[in-house]
Amino acid sequence: MLHVLLPPFARCGQEPILRDWLVRGDRLADAGHGYTRALAAHFRWPSGTLPAGALSREAARGDAGEDTWLCADPAFVQPDMTGARMLACGTLDLTAAEAEALARPLRPLFGDRGFLLELTSPSRWHLRLPRDARPPQFAAPDRVLGDDLLGYLPQDAADAAWRQLFNEAQVLLHQHPVNAERRIRGQMPVNCLWLWGGGRLPAWVKSDVECLYSRDPLARALAQRARVEVGDPADFDPANAPGDVLLDLDPGLDAATHGPLLARALKRHKAMQLAFASGERLRVLRWHRWRIWRHPA
């Protein structure tokens, strides 16, 4: 079977060929919102929530070890009348010099709590925590983007220290001269670090898919740990794809190519399961093309 991860339905559901398949396929029960949740449904690990921090650090640097890790992604938050909305996370095109300058005043803040701030890349940061640390479960950025982030901060009284840490980091970043320079150049400032994906590197990761086509670092990290073959979505060829394939049609690809690509894929695969980042799920079988009485609304 071909499993396909797609952007939110509103972005690609009106592409003509894809829309025809959508009305002829079988609608499944909706799942939770978010790309990361749809991705994680294809992998298994010993226990707990997805340890994205440890997995992505291990894939990038190979030094996750037995420590606990958190992703600490640079983000831009826009205050509004009701709260503050996250408009970008991990996609701010920071240079190495900017990232290092922004991180410099943050290191003592985290260090005083026994945490080490690591710049895995200019746009991908991590927190190394002691092995026995129990960080709260922050939502993945794709779940928070465009929404009021205050509702996603941990609310338990036991997590008050984490909320304080989050706020203190915001204050330091808001005052940073690098952000003043970025505003002058018309670039988004980095005024927040979003902490998420806490946990230790799992002893194993398993998957029922034989090949993953994705550009997403976390997806590739999961596949690497599960010993699943990895390719680029632009190189996906339905004629040569093995049995169970996970195809990640990320937002960076032209949505107009999704429909024709999936139509070709059905000639090779008898069935496709489509998972939209907005939660919609659909199963399409090859014989569904004969459901010509179903028309788009």
C-alpha atoms as a PDB file:
ATOM      1  CA  MET A   1       0.000   0.000   0.000  1.00  0.00           C
ATOM      2  CA  LEU A   2       1.030   3.585  -0.597  1.00  0.00           C
ATOM      3  CA  HIS A   3       0.622   5.834   2.449  1.00  0.00           C
ATOM      4  CA  VAL A   4       0.645   9.539   1.627  1.00  0.00           C
ATOM      5  CA  LEU A   5       1.138  12.465   3.997  1.00  0.00           C
ATOM      6  CA  LEU A   6      -0.390  15.654   2.615  1.00  0.00           C
ATOM      7  CA  PRO A   7      -0.527  19.299   3.746  1.00  0.00           C
ATOM      8  CA  PRO A   8      -3.767  20.550   5.331  1.00  0.00           C
ATOM      9  CA  PHE A   9      -6.814  19.769   3.225  1.00  0.00           C
ATOM     10  CA  ALA A  10      -7.566  23.458   2.640  1.00  0.00           C
ATOM     11  CA  ARG A  11      -4.240  23.848   0.811  1.00  0.00           C
ATOM     12  CA  CYS A  12      -4.508  20.994  -1.635  1.00  0.00           C
ATOM     13  CA  GLY A  13      -8.038  19.591  -1.555  1.00  0.00           C
ATOM     14  CA  GLN A  14      -9.122  21.669  -4.535  1.00  0.00           C
ATOM     15  CA  GLU A  15      -6.427  20.408  -6.917  1.00  0.00           C
ATOM     16  CA  PRO A  16      -8.653  18.976  -9.729  1.00  0.00           C
ATOM     17  CA  ILE A  17      -7.263  15.447 -10.128  1.00  0.00           C
ATOM     18  CA  LEU A  18      -6.781  14.980  -6.414  1.00  0.00           C
ATOM     19  CA  ARG A  19     -10.319  16.250  -5.762  1.00  0.00           C
ATOM     20  CA  ASP A  20     -11.720  13.564  -8.090  1.00  0.00           C
ATOM     21  CA  TRP A  21      -9.962  10.870  -6.096  1.00  0.00           C
ATOM     22  CA  LEU A  22     -11.181  12.384  -2.846  1.00  0.00           C
ATOM     23  CA  VAL A  23     -14.843  12.161  -3.802  1.00  0.00           C
ATOM     24  CA  ARG A  24     -14.477   8.591  -5.122  1.00  0.00           C
ATOM     25  CA  GLY A  25     -12.498   7.212  -2.202  1.00  0.00           C
ATOM     26  CA  ASP A  26     -13.739   6.031   1.202  1.00  0.00           C
ATOM     27  CA  ARG A  27     -13.603   8.555   4.006  1.00  0.00           C
ATOM     28  CA  LEU A  28     -12.054   7.180   7.190  1.00  0.00           C
ATOM     29  CA  ALA A  29     -12.413   8.528  10.705  1.00  0.00           C
ATOM     30  CA  ASP A  30     -10.528  11.779  11.178  1.00  0.00           C
ATOM     31  CA  ALA A  31      -7.360  11.676  13.244  1.00  0.00           C
ATOM     32  CA  GLY A  32      -5.712  14.306  15.390  1.00  0.00           C
ATOM     33  CA  HIS A  33      -4.517  17.504  13.771  1.00  0.00           C
ATOM     34  CA  GLY A  34      -0.856  17.856  12.834  1.00  0.00           C
ATOM     35  CA  TYR A  35       1.805  16.536  10.463  1.00  0.00           C
ATOM     36  CA  THR A  36       3.934  15.091  13.277  1.00  0.00           C
ATOM     37  CA  ARG A  37       1.031  13.024  14.575  1.00  0.00           C
ATOM     38  CA  ALA A  38       0.290  11.654  11.096  1.00  0.00           C
ATOM     39  CA  LEU A  39       3.952  10.787  10.631  1.00  0.00           C
ATOM     40  CA  ALA A  40       4.286   9.107  14.031  1.00  0.00           C
ATOM     41  CA  ALA A  41       1.335   6.813  13.245  1.00  0.00           C
ATOM     42  CA  HIS A  42       3.634   4.857  10.903  1.00  0.00           C
ATOM     43  CA  PHE A  43       6.312   4.154  13.510  1.00  0.00           C
ATOM     44  CA  ARG A  44       6.548   2.371  16.858  1.00  0.00           C
ATOM     45  CA  TRP A  45       8.998   2.739  19.738  1.00  0.00           C
ATOM     46  CA  PRO A  46       9.119   1.232  23.245  1.00  0.00           C
ATOM     47  CA  SER A  47       6.934   3.716  25.127  1.00  0.00           C
ATOM     48  CA  GLY A  48       5.913   7.320  25.667  1.00  0.00           C
ATOM     49  CA  THR A  49       5.382  10.179  23.269  1.00  0.00           C
ATOM     50  CA  LEU A  50       7.592  10.743  20.233  1.00  0.00           C
ATOM     51  CA  PRO A  51      11.110  11.686  21.478  1.00  0.00           C
ATOM     52  CA  ALA A  52      11.724  14.038  18.569  1.00  0.00           C
ATOM     53  CA  GLY A  53      14.594  15.849  20.301  1.00  0.00           C
ATOM     54  CA  ALA A  54      16.731  12.756  20.867  1.00  0.00           C
ATOM     55  CA  LEU A  55      15.917  11.261  17.456  1.00  0.00           C
ATOM     56  CA  SER A  56      16.738  14.409  15.501  1.00  0.00           C
ATOM     57  CA  ARG A  57      19.913  15.077  17.505  1.00  0.00           C
ATOM     58  CA  GLU A  58      21.134  11.508  17.004  1.00  0.00           C
ATOM     59  CA  ALA A  59      20.459  11.687  13.258  1.00  0.00           C
ATOM     60  CA  ALA A  60      22.312  14.994  12.940  1.00  0.00           C
ATOM     61  CA  ARG A  61      25.226  14.517  15.359  1.00  0.00           C
ATOM     62  CA  GLY A  62      25.181  10.938  16.587  1.00  0.00           C
ATOM     63  CA  ASP A  63      25.674  11.970  20.220  1.00  0.00           C
ATOM     64  CA  ALA A  64      22.225  11.652  21.825  1.00  0.00           C
ATOM     65  CA  GLY A  65      23.572   8.973  24.163  1.00  0.00           C
ATOM     66  CA  GLU A  66      21.428   8.318  27.239  1.00  0.00           C
ATOM     67  CA  ASP A  67      20.600  11.951  28.001  1.00  0.00           C
ATOM     68  CA  THR A  68      17.124  13.433  27.798  1.00  0.00           C
ATOM     69  CA  TRP A  69      16.657  15.863  24.913  1.00  0.00           C
ATOM     70  CA  LEU A  70      14.234  18.580  23.889  1.00  0.00           C
ATOM     71  CA  CYS A  71      13.928  20.341  20.557  1.00  0.00           C
ATOM     72  CA  ALA A  72      14.409  24.075  21.211  1.00  0.00           C
ATOM     73  CA  ASP A  73      13.377  25.510  17.872  1.00  0.00           C
ATOM     74  CA  PRO A  74      13.779  29.246  17.185  1.00  0.00           C
ATOM     75  CA  ALA A  75      10.347  30.709  16.534  1.00  0.00           C
ATOM     76  CA  PHE A  76       8.525  33.947  15.803  1.00  0.00           C
ATOM     77  CA  VAL A  77       5.449  34.808  17.860  1.00  0.00           C
ATOM     78  CA  GLN A  78       3.159  37.710  16.998  1.00  0.00           C
ATOM     79  CA  PRO A  79       1.190  39.235  19.897  1.00  0.00           C
ATOM     80  CA  ASP A  80      -2.445  40.087  19.168  1.00  0.00           C
ATOM     81  CA  MET A  81      -5.527  41.244  21.053  1.00  0.00           C
ATOM     82  CA  THR A  82      -6.237  37.839  22.584  1.00  0.00           C
ATOM     83  CA  GLY A  83      -2.786  36.342  23.102  1.00  0.00           C
ATOM     84  CA  ALA A  84       0.172  35.464  20.917  1.00  0.00           C
ATOM     85  CA  ARG A  85       0.244  33.445  17.700  1.00  0.00           C
ATOM     86  CA  MET A  86       3.166  31.386  16.470  1.00  0.00           C
ATOM     87  CA  LEU A  87       3.791  32.345  12.846  1.00  0.00           C
ATOM     88  CA  ALA A  88       7.060  30.503  12.172  1.00  0.00           C
ATOM     89  CA  CYS A  89       9.153  27.842  13.880  1.00  0.00           C
ATOM     90  CA  GLY A  90      12.481  26.429  12.734  1.00  0.00           C
ATOM     91  CA  THR A  91      12.146  28.107   9.324  1.00  0.00           C
ATOM     92  CA  LEU A  92      13.604  31.568   9.963  1.00  0.00           C
ATOM     93  CA  ASP A  93      16.715  31.281   7.760  1.00  0.00           C
ATOM     94  CA  LEU A  94      19.170  32.146  10.495  1.00  0.00           C
ATOM     95  CA  THR A  95      22.831  32.383   9.653  1.00  0.00           C
ATOM     96  CA  ALA A  96      25.342  30.567  11.832  1.00  0.00           C
ATOM     97  CA  ALA A  97      26.560  33.912  13.212  1.00  0.00           C
ATOM     98  CA  GLU A  98      23.017  35.038  14.070  1.00  0.00           C
ATOM     99  CA  ALA A  99      22.226  31.751  15.758  1.00  0.00           C
ATOM    100  CA  GLU A 100      25.362  31.863  17.881  1.00  0.00           C
ATOM    101  CA  ALA A 101      24.745  35.481  18.892  1.00  0.00           C
ATOM    102  CA  LEU A 102      21.130  34.730  19.867  1.00  0.00           C
ATOM    103  CA  ALA A 103      22.152  31.654  21.845  1.00  0.00           C
ATOM    104  CA  ARG A 104      24.909  33.380  23.810  1.00  0.00           C
ATOM    105  CA  PRO A 105      22.713  35.035  26.504  1.00  0.00           C
ATOM    106  CA  LEU A 106      20.447  31.977  26.652  1.00  0.00           C
ATOM    107  CA  ARG A 107      23.162  29.516  27.612  1.00  0.00           C
ATOM    108  CA  PRO A 108      23.563  30.804  31.199  1.00  0.00           C
ATOM    109  CA  LEU A 109      19.782  30.884  31.605  1.00  0.00           C
ATOM    110  CA  PHE A 110      19.509  27.196  30.762  1.00  0.00           C
ATOM    111  CA  GLY A 111      22.841  26.308  32.333  1.00  0.00           C
ATOM    112  CA  ASP A 112      21.708  27.517  35.762  1.00  0.00           C
ATOM    113  CA  ARG A 113      19.062  24.779  35.606  1.00  0.00           C
ATOM    114  CA  GLY A 114      21.500  22.083  34.533  1.00  0.00           C
ATOM    115  CA  PHE A 115      20.531  22.200  30.847  1.00  0.00           C
ATOM    116  CA  LEU A 116      22.930  22.562  27.913  1.00  0.00           C
ATOM    117  CA  LEU A 117      21.777  24.523  24.851  1.00  0.00           C
ATOM    118  CA  GLU A 118      23.152  22.913  21.673  1.00  0.00           C
ATOM    119  CA  LEU A 119      23.012  24.509  18.216  1.00  0.00           C
ATOM    120  CA  THR A 120      22.632  21.445  16.028  1.00  0.00           C
ATOM    121  CA  SER A 121      22.213  23.755  13.030  1.00  0.00           C
ATOM    122  CA  PRO A 122      21.394  27.476  12.774  1.00  0.00           C
ATOM    123  CA  SER A 123      17.653  26.749  12.655  1.00  0.00           C
ATOM    124  CA  ARG A 124      17.576  23.525  14.717  1.00  0.00           C
ATOM    125  CA  TRP A 125      18.495  23.835  18.378  1.00  0.00           C
ATOM    126  CA  HIS A 126      18.356  21.283  21.174  1.00  0.00           C
ATOM    127  CA  LEU A 127      18.428  21.194  24.954  1.00  0.00           C
ATOM    128  CA  ARG A 128      20.476  18.427  26.567  1.00  0.00           C
ATOM    129  CA  LEU A 129      18.975  17.527  29.949  1.00  0.00           C
ATOM    130  CA  PRO A 130      20.096  15.075  32.638  1.00  0.00           C
ATOM    131  CA  ARG A 131      19.001  11.524  31.942  1.00  0.00           C
ATOM    132  CA  ASP A 132      16.422  11.463  34.744  1.00  0.00           C
ATOM    133  CA  ALA A 133      14.821  14.801  33.747  1.00  0.00           C
ATOM    134  CA  ARG A 134      11.058  14.730  33.112  1.00  0.00           C
ATOM    135  CA  PRO A 135      10.214  17.670  30.862  1.00  0.00           C
ATOM    136  CA  PRO A 136       6.544  18.487  30.237  1.00  0.00           C
ATOM    137  CA  GLN A 137       4.935  17.509  26.958  1.00  0.00           C
ATOM    138  CA  PHE A 138       4.798  20.546  24.683  1.00  0.00           C
ATOM    139  CA  ALA A 139       2.845  20.163  21.426  1.00  0.00           C
ATOM    140  CA  ALA A 140       4.727  19.777  18.146  1.00  0.00           C
ATOM    141  CA  PRO A 141       5.190  23.093  16.285  1.00  0.00           C
ATOM    142  CA  ASP A 142       2.978  22.070  13.361  1.00  0.00           C
ATOM    143  CA  ARG A 143       0.108  21.750  15.830  1.00  0.00           C
ATOM    144  CA  VAL A 144       0.743  25.214  17.282  1.00  0.00           C
ATOM    145  CA  LEU A 145       1.482  27.217  14.111  1.00  0.00           C
ATOM    146  CA  GLY A 146      -1.154  29.866  13.453  1.00  0.00           C
ATOM    147  CA  ASP A 147      -2.777  29.327  16.832  1.00  0.00           C
ATOM    148  CA  ASP A 148      -2.534  31.027  20.201  1.00  0.00           C
ATOM    149  CA  LEU A 149       0.487  29.353  21.759  1.00  0.00           C
ATOM    150  CA  LEU A 150      -0.546  30.226  25.323  1.00  0.00           C
ATOM    151  CA  GLY A 151      -3.042  27.374  25.222  1.00  0.00           C
ATOM    152  CA  TYR A 152      -0.242  24.920  24.466  1.00  0.00           C
ATOM    153  CA  LEU A 153       2.032  25.782  27.364  1.00  0.00           C
ATOM    154  CA  PRO A 154       2.061  23.216  30.205  1.00  0.00           C
ATOM    155  CA  GLN A 155      -0.540  24.207  32.780  1.00  0.00           C
ATOM    156  CA  ASP A 156       0.182  21.897  35.720  1.00  0.00           C
ATOM    157  CA  ALA A 157       1.435  23.554  38.894  1.00  0.00           C
ATOM    158  CA  ALA A 158       4.443  21.202  38.786  1.00  0.00           C
ATOM    159  CA  ASP A 159       5.461  22.771  35.462  1.00  0.00           C
ATOM    160  CA  ALA A 160       5.569  26.366  36.719  1.00  0.00           C
ATOM    161  CA  ALA A 161       9.377  26.401  36.513  1.00  0.00           C
ATOM    162  CA  TRP A 162       9.187  25.474  32.805  1.00  0.00           C
ATOM    163  CA  ARG A 163       6.710  28.265  32.087  1.00  0.00           C
ATOM    164  CA  GLN A 164       9.034  30.703  33.867  1.00  0.00           C
ATOM    165  CA  LEU A 165      11.988  29.445  31.822  1.00  0.00           C
ATOM    166  CA  PHE A 166       9.991  29.852  28.618  1.00  0.00           C
ATOM    167  CA  ASN A 167       9.071  33.448  29.557  1.00  0.00           C
ATOM    168  CA  GLU A 168      12.606  34.406  30.581  1.00  0.00           C
ATOM    169  CA  ALA A 169      13.966  33.149  27.267  1.00  0.00           C
ATOM    170  CA  GLN A 170      11.362  35.279  25.468  1.00  0.00           C
ATOM    171  CA  VAL A 171      12.489  38.392  27.347  1.00  0.00           C
ATOM    172  CA  LEU A 172      16.153  37.825  26.449  1.00  0.00           C
ATOM    173  CA  LEU A 173      15.348  37.245  22.795  1.00  0.00           C
ATOM    174  CA  HIS A 174      12.995  40.227  22.552  1.00  0.00           C
ATOM    175  CA  GLN A 175      15.794  42.549  23.662  1.00  0.00           C
ATOM    176  CA  HIS A 176      18.490  41.024  21.454  1.00  0.00           C
ATOM    177  CA  PRO A 177      20.189  43.342  18.904  1.00  0.00           C
ATOM    178  CA  VAL A 178      20.185  40.592  16.261  1.00  0.00           C
ATOM    179  CA  ASN A 179      16.402  40.831  16.184  1.00  0.00           C
ATOM    180  CA  ALA A 180      16.520  44.605  15.763  1.00  0.00           C
ATOM    181  CA  GLU A 181      18.779  44.088  12.732  1.00  0.00           C
ATOM    182  CA  ARG A 182      16.487  41.434  11.312  1.00  0.00           C
ATOM    183  CA  ARG A 183      13.471  43.730  11.610  1.00  0.00           C
ATOM    184  CA  ILE A 184      15.328  46.464   9.720  1.00  0.00           C
ATOM    185  CA  ARG A 185      16.010  43.964   6.924  1.00  0.00           C
ATOM    186  CA  GLY A 186      12.355  42.932   6.855  1.00  0.00           C
ATOM    187  CA  GLN A 187      13.046  39.501   8.374  1.00  0.00           C
ATOM    188  CA  MET A 188      11.109  37.826  11.147  1.00  0.00           C
ATOM    189  CA  PRO A 189      12.754  38.184  14.549  1.00  0.00           C
ATOM    190  CA  VAL A 190      13.448  35.179  16.750  1.00  0.00           C
ATOM    191  CA  ASN A 191      11.485  36.039  19.879  1.00  0.00           C
ATOM    192  CA  CYS A 192      10.700  32.568  21.231  1.00  0.00           C
ATOM    193  CA  LEU A 193      12.201  29.102  21.672  1.00  0.00           C
ATOM    194  CA  TRP A 194       9.595  26.376  21.323  1.00  0.00           C
ATOM    195  CA  LEU A 195      10.502  23.390  23.495  1.00  0.00           C
ATOM    196  CA  TRP A 196       9.004  20.074  22.413  1.00  0.00           C
ATOM    197  CA  GLY A 197       9.667  16.412  21.670  1.00  0.00           C
ATOM    198  CA  GLY A 198      11.192  15.548  25.054  1.00  0.00           C
ATOM    199  CA  GLY A 199      12.618  12.133  25.852  1.00  0.00           C
ATOM    200  CA  ARG A 200      15.566   9.800  25.509  1.00  0.00           C
ATOM    201  CA  LEU A 201      16.717   7.999  22.378  1.00  0.00           C
ATOM    202  CA  PRO A 202      14.594   4.849  22.082  1.00  0.00           C
ATOM    203  CA  ALA A 203      16.374   1.515  22.022  1.00  0.00           C
ATOM    204  CA  TRP A 204      14.525   0.697  18.819  1.00  0.00           C
ATOM    205  CA  VAL A 205      12.090   2.112  16.281  1.00  0.00           C
ATOM    206  CA  LYS A 206      10.018  -0.109  13.991  1.00  0.00           C
ATOM    207  CA  SER A 207       7.793   0.519  10.995  1.00  0.00           C
ATOM    208  CA  ASP A 208       5.691  -1.479   8.570  1.00  0.00           C
ATOM    209  CA  VAL A 209       6.738   0.692   5.615  1.00  0.00           C
ATOM    210  CA  GLU A 210       9.665  -0.387   3.480  1.00  0.00           C
ATOM    211  CA  CYS A 211      10.609   3.010   2.107  1.00  0.00           C
ATOM    212  CA  LEU A 212      10.098   6.645   3.082  1.00  0.00           C
ATOM    213  CA  TYR A 213      10.198   9.552   0.646  1.00  0.00           C
ATOM    214  CA  SER A 214      10.492  12.756   2.670  1.00  0.00           C
ATOM    215  CA  ARG A 215      12.558  15.909   3.182  1.00  0.00           C
ATOM    216  CA  ASP A 216      11.481  16.347   6.788  1.00  0.00           C
ATOM    217  CA  PRO A 217      14.428  15.863   9.201  1.00  0.00           C
ATOM    218  CA  LEU A 218      12.324  14.138  11.851  1.00  0.00           C
ATOM    219  CA  ALA A 219      10.757  11.762   9.330  1.00  0.00           C
ATOM    220  CA  ARG A 220      14.181  10.844   8.027  1.00  0.00           C
ATOM    221  CA  ALA A 221      15.497  10.422  11.578  1.00  0.00           C
ATOM    222  CA  LEU A 222      12.678   7.990  12.386  1.00  0.00           C
ATOM    223  CA  ALA A 223      13.308   6.036   9.191  1.00  0.00           C
ATOM    224  CA  GLN A 224      17.037   5.920   9.890  1.00  0.00           C
ATOM    225  CA  ARG A 225      16.423   4.502  13.372  1.00  0.00           C
ATOM    226  CA  ALA A 226      13.932   1.971  11.952  1.00  0.00           C
ATOM    227  CA  ARG A 227      16.336   1.005   9.137  1.00  0.00           C
ATOM    228  CA  VAL A 228      13.815   2.060   6.516  1.00  0.00           C
ATOM    229  CA  GLU A 229      15.114   3.098   3.111  1.00  0.00           C
ATOM    230  CA  VAL A 230      14.915   6.886   2.573  1.00  0.00           C
ATOM    231  CA  GLY A 231      14.505   8.929  -0.609  1.00  0.00           C
ATOM    232  CA  ASP A 232      13.507  12.419  -1.740  1.00  0.00           C
ATOM    233  CA  PRO A 233       9.835  12.956  -2.720  1.00  0.00           C
ATOM    234  CA  ALA A 234      10.966  14.557  -5.976  1.00  0.00           C
ATOM    235  CA  ASP A 235      12.559  11.213  -6.913  1.00  0.00           C
ATOM    236  CA  PHE A 236       9.501   9.080  -6.151  1.00  0.00           C
ATOM    237  CA  ASP A 237       8.723   6.826  -9.108  1.00  0.00           C
ATOM    238  CA  PRO A 238       5.552   4.758  -8.668  1.00  0.00           C
ATOM    239  CA  ALA A 239       6.802   2.225 -11.181  1.00  0.00           C
ATOM    240  CA  ASN A 240       9.864   1.374  -9.110  1.00  0.00           C
ATOM    241  CA  ALA A 241       8.547   1.815  -5.568  1.00  0.00           C
ATOM    242  CA  PRO A 242       8.601  -1.256  -3.279  1.00  0.00           C
ATOM    243  CA  GLY A 243       5.555  -2.677  -1.499  1.00  0.00           C
ATOM    244  CA  ASP A 244       4.608  -0.450   1.456  1.00  0.00           C
ATOM    245  CA  VAL A 245       5.731   3.127   0.879  1.00  0.00           C
ATOM    246  CA  LEU A 246       5.310   6.305   2.928  1.00  0.00           C
ATOM    247  CA  LEU A 247       5.304   9.344   0.641  1.00  0.00           C
ATOM    248  CA  ASP A 248       5.522  12.750   2.293  1.00  0.00           C
ATOM    249  CA  LEU A 249       4.170  15.403  -0.096  1.00  0.00           C
ATOM    250  CA  ASP A 250       5.351  18.317   1.993  1.00  0.00           C
ATOM    251  CA  PRO A 251       4.288  21.947   1.478  1.00  0.00           C
ATOM    252  CA  GLY A 252       7.564  22.654  -0.307  1.00  0.00           C
ATOM    253  CA  LEU A 253       6.350  20.682  -3.318  1.00  0.00           C
ATOM    254  CA  ASP A 254       3.994  22.214  -5.866  1.00  0.00           C
ATOM    255  CA  ALA A 255       0.456  21.139  -4.904  1.00  0.00           C
ATOM    256  CA  ALA A 256      -0.456  20.992  -8.596  1.00  0.00           C
ATOM    257  CA  THR A 257       1.760  17.909  -8.927  1.00  0.00           C
ATOM    258  CA  HIS A 258       0.013  15.941  -6.174  1.00  0.00           C
ATOM    259  CA  GLY A 259      -2.984  14.739  -8.203  1.00  0.00           C
ATOM    260  CA  PRO A 260      -1.102  13.523 -11.309  1.00  0.00           C
ATOM    261  CA  LEU A 261       1.521  11.850  -9.128  1.00  0.00           C
ATOM    262  CA  LEU A 262      -1.074   9.980  -7.075  1.00  0.00           C
ATOM    263  CA  ALA A 263      -2.979   8.969 -10.204  1.00  0.00           C
ATOM    264  CA  ARG A 264       0.221   7.381 -11.556  1.00  0.00           C
ATOM    265  CA  ALA A 265       0.884   5.787  -8.191  1.00  0.00           C
ATOM    266  CA  LEU A 266      -2.458   3.948  -8.235  1.00  0.00           C
ATOM    267  CA  LYS A 267      -1.381   2.171 -11.396  1.00  0.00           C
ATOM    268  CA  ARG A 268       1.386   0.577  -9.329  1.00  0.00           C
ATOM    269  CA  HIS A 269      -0.325   0.273  -5.949  1.00  0.00           C
ATOM    270  CA  LYS A 270      -3.776  -1.245  -5.515  1.00  0.00           C
ATOM    271  CA  ALA A 271      -4.547   1.027  -2.601  1.00  0.00           C
ATOM    272  CA  MET A 272      -3.565   4.405  -1.163  1.00  0.00           C
ATOM    273  CA  GLN A 273      -4.245   5.851   2.231  1.00  0.00           C
ATOM    274  CA  LEU A 274      -4.183   9.655   2.333  1.00  0.00           C
ATOM    275  CA  ALA A 275      -3.533  11.506   5.579  1.00  0.00           C
ATOM    276  CA  PHE A 276      -3.943  15.290   5.595  1.00  0.00           C
ATOM    277  CA  ALA A 277      -2.154  17.362   8.216  1.00  0.00           C
ATOM    278  CA  SER A 278      -5.549  18.830   9.149  1.00  0.00           C
ATOM    279  CA  GLY A 279      -6.752  15.401  10.277  1.00  0.00           C
ATOM    280  CA  GLU A 280      -8.805  14.101   7.330  1.00  0.00           C
ATOM    281  CA  ARG A 281      -8.127  10.480   6.321  1.00  0.00           C
ATOM    282  CA  LEU A 282      -9.123   8.712   3.112  1.00  0.00           C
ATOM    283  CA  ARG A 283      -8.598   5.309   1.508  1.00  0.00           C
ATOM    284  CA  VAL A 284      -8.544   5.074  -2.287  1.00  0.00           C
ATOM    285  CA  LEU A 285      -8.579   1.743  -4.133  1.00  0.00           C
ATOM    286  CA  ARG A 286      -7.698   1.306  -7.769  1.00  0.00           C
ATOM    287  CA  TRP A 287     -11.240   0.249  -8.695  1.00  0.00           C
ATOM    288  CA  HIS A 288     -12.657   3.450  -7.184  1.00  0.00           C
ATOM    289  CA  ARG A 289     -11.973   5.135 -10.526  1.00  0.00           C
ATOM    290  CA  TRP A 290     -15.213   3.525 -11.710  1.00  0.00           C
ATOM    291  CA  ARG A 291     -17.268   5.448  -9.156  1.00  0.00           C
ATOM    292  CA  ILE A 292     -18.077   7.968 -11.845  1.00  0.00           C
ATOM    293  CA  TRP A 293     -21.453   8.787 -10.267  1.00  0.00           C
ATOM    294  CA  ARG A 294     -19.643  10.604  -7.475  1.00  0.00           C
ATOM    295  CA  HIS A 295     -18.996  14.209  -8.370  1.00  0.00           C
ATOM    296  CA  PRO A 296     -17.218  17.022  -6.502  1.00  0.00           C
ATOM    297  CA  ALA A 297     -19.620  19.283  -4.663  1.00  0.00           C
END
